Amino acid sequence: MMFTEVASLPFRKIYSVDFEYCGADGEIPKIVCMVIEDLRSGEISRYWRNDLCKMKTPPFETGEDVAIVSYFAPAEMQSMLALCWAINVSVIDLFAEFRCQTNGDPNVGRKSLVSALQFYGLEQFIPEEKDSMRDLILSGGPLSETQRSAILDYCQQDVIALGPLLDAMLRHAP
């Protein structure tokens, strides 16, 4: 699904990316999974930890004409570095953009992905089980196949929300 505003961005490829990981603050994250959506084609790819750890390069194209979109990019960059991947892409951090667009607005409390989705009227993209899934991920496992599938589904929900959020933010950009 292509978004009107996203289509105007000057990149050959644009991917929304989200990792799930666990570990203590300040430590190298233990990667749990990653989901990617190609925002130009709508193709979604899902990867579990064992597959990601075998990869020498990211499972998406890279280069100066490629952008990745995330919400709080330091987490995604830290995850890619933990996997020893070179990060040769432009980065669009919707957390930073949301902060820029809403700083000083007394109606905006938290700066979370959920808050950003609510602010732009995109509540349909907010997963109901966000807290319970986060707790499951942070538990570190072991995880059943059912739990792994649920975590990938949860991660995919965040990825799918990034395209509409980017589009809405571009429409409201000064």
Foldseek 3Di string as FASTA:
>chain_A
DAFPLVVPDQAPWEKEKDWFFADDPPDQTQTAWMWIATNVPRDIDIGGRVVLLPDQEDPDDAAARYEYEYAPCVVVVSNCVSSVYDHRYHYHHVLVLQCVLCPPPPVQDDSDPCSLCVVLVNNVLDDPCVVVLSVVRHVVDPDDPVNSVVNRVVNVSRRVVRNVSVSSSSVSPD
